[in-house]
Protein backbone atom coordinates (compact mmCIF):
# COMPACT_ATOMS: atom_id res chain seq x y z
CA UNK A 1 -1.84 80.14 48.16
CA UNK A 2 -5.13 79.49 49.92
CA UNK A 3 -7.45 76.64 49.01
CA UNK A 4 -9.91 79.17 47.53
CA UNK A 5 -7.21 80.59 45.23
CA UNK A 6 -6.15 77.07 44.28
CA UNK A 7 -9.74 76.08 43.41
CA UNK A 8 -10.16 79.22 41.31
CA UNK A 9 -7.00 78.50 39.34
CA UNK A 10 -7.97 74.84 38.83
CA UNK A 11 -11.49 75.72 37.71
CA UNK A 12 -10.23 78.36 35.26
CA UNK A 13 -7.66 75.93 33.88
CA UNK A 14 -10.35 73.32 33.28
CA UNK A 15 -12.61 75.97 31.74
CA UNK A 16 -9.83 76.92 29.30
CA UNK A 17 -9.61 73.33 28.12
CA UNK A 18 -13.35 72.77 27.73
CA UNK A 19 -14.79 72.48 24.26
CA UNK A 20 -17.56 74.97 25.09
CA UNK A 21 -15.03 77.60 26.20
CA UNK A 22 -13.18 77.34 22.88
CA UNK A 23 -16.35 77.13 20.79
CA UNK A 24 -17.52 80.41 22.35
CA UNK A 25 -14.19 82.11 21.64
CA UNK A 26 -14.07 80.82 18.07
CA UNK A 27 -17.58 82.13 17.41
CA UNK A 28 -16.66 85.50 18.96
CA UNK A 29 -13.48 85.64 16.86
CA UNK A 30 -15.43 84.92 13.64
CA UNK A 31 -17.74 87.85 14.29
CA UNK A 32 -14.98 90.16 15.56
CA UNK A 33 -13.24 90.85 12.25
CA UNK A 34 -9.87 90.42 13.98
CA UNK A 35 -7.08 88.11 12.89
CA UNK A 36 -6.68 84.98 15.00
CA UNK A 37 -3.40 86.25 16.44
CA UNK A 38 -4.86 89.64 17.39
CA UNK A 39 -7.92 88.04 18.98
CA UNK A 40 -5.74 85.67 21.01
CA UNK A 41 -3.53 88.52 22.23
CA UNK A 42 -6.59 90.60 23.15
CA UNK A 43 -8.12 87.77 25.20
CA UNK A 44 -4.79 86.36 26.43
CA UNK A 45 -5.32 82.99 24.74
CA UNK A 46 -2.68 80.63 23.42
CA UNK A 47 -2.60 81.13 19.64
CA UNK A 48 -1.54 77.53 19.02
CA UNK A 49 -4.25 76.17 21.34
CA UNK A 50 -6.80 78.41 19.57
CA UNK A 51 -5.82 77.05 16.12
CA UNK A 52 -5.89 73.47 17.42
CA UNK A 53 -9.32 73.88 19.02
CA UNK A 54 -10.65 75.57 15.87
CA UNK A 55 -9.40 72.63 13.80
CA UNK A 56 -10.94 70.11 16.23
CA UNK A 57 -14.26 71.96 16.13
CA UNK A 58 -14.34 71.90 12.31
CA UNK A 59 -13.40 68.22 12.12
CA UNK A 60 -15.87 67.16 14.82
CA UNK A 61 -18.83 69.03 13.33
CA UNK A 62 -19.48 67.99 9.74
CA UNK A 63 -20.88 70.67 7.47
CA UNK A 64 -24.59 70.33 6.83
CA UNK A 65 -26.38 72.01 3.91
CA UNK A 66 -28.02 74.51 6.29
CA UNK A 67 -24.58 75.66 7.53
CA UNK A 68 -22.99 75.95 4.09
CA UNK A 69 -22.25 79.47 2.92
CA UNK A 70 -23.85 80.12 -0.44
CA UNK A 71 -22.69 82.78 -2.80
CA UNK A 72 -20.50 83.68 -5.71
CA UNK A 73 -16.88 84.67 -5.94
CA UNK A 74 -14.78 85.90 -8.80
CA UNK A 75 -12.50 83.21 -10.20
CA UNK A 76 -9.60 84.09 -12.44
CA UNK A 77 -7.82 81.32 -14.33
CA UNK A 78 -4.12 82.00 -14.78
CA UNK A 79 -2.36 80.96 -17.99
CA UNK A 80 -0.26 78.37 -16.14
CA UNK A 81 -3.32 76.63 -14.67
CA UNK A 82 -5.46 76.46 -17.82
CA UNK A 83 -4.10 73.01 -18.65
CA UNK A 84 -5.20 71.78 -15.21
CA UNK A 85 -8.72 73.17 -15.62
CA UNK A 86 -10.00 70.12 -17.48
CA UNK A 87 -9.05 67.62 -14.75
CA UNK A 88 -8.73 69.55 -11.49
CA UNK A 89 -9.24 72.91 -9.85
CA UNK A 90 -6.86 75.36 -8.19
CA UNK A 91 -8.17 77.55 -5.34
CA UNK A 92 -6.22 80.70 -4.49
CA UNK A 93 -7.04 82.69 -1.37
CA UNK A 94 -6.66 86.45 -1.10
CA UNK A 95 -3.46 86.00 0.94
CA UNK A 96 -1.86 84.06 -1.94
CA UNK A 97 -2.30 80.58 -0.46
CA UNK A 98 -3.10 78.03 -3.19
CA UNK A 99 -4.76 74.64 -3.06
CA UNK A 100 -3.94 72.81 -6.30
CA UNK A 101 -5.43 69.61 -7.69
CA UNK A 102 -8.94 69.84 -6.25
CA UNK A 103 -11.17 67.12 -7.71
CA UNK A 104 -14.54 65.66 -6.81
CA UNK A 105 -12.71 62.97 -4.83
CA UNK A 106 -10.85 65.52 -2.69
CA UNK A 107 -13.74 67.95 -2.10
CA UNK A 108 -14.62 66.72 1.44
CA UNK A 109 -11.01 67.25 2.54
CA UNK A 110 -10.79 70.63 0.78
CA UNK A 111 -14.03 71.76 2.46
CA UNK A 112 -12.52 71.03 5.90
CA UNK A 113 -9.26 72.69 4.91
CA UNK A 114 -11.04 75.87 3.80
CA UNK A 115 -12.86 76.05 7.14
CA UNK A 116 -9.57 75.79 9.02
CA UNK A 117 -7.89 78.43 6.86
CA UNK A 118 -10.62 81.04 7.25
């Protein structure tokens, strides 16, 4: 391997670990409509590294009111969760994943969790 090839490999390895590299890919993935796994295969990225970097990006950048998505969604309360409705909330995603026991105290954590699960 020549020194030029070695420098190219080293610079691409450091680019793959940079926060800006991953931020760009995460933004592209969000607008692509692809699943995370499909996007990673298409761009030859490590799926686990992608998920980790996405998590780190969400945790390191707190949500500000200007960035918050505003809108409505249909909520259906199941018979088994009606007793919980008075003290806590259950969030069920379209893939069946549930977050149970959401209260005002746990909302900051739930907000970060929802961002990671998108």
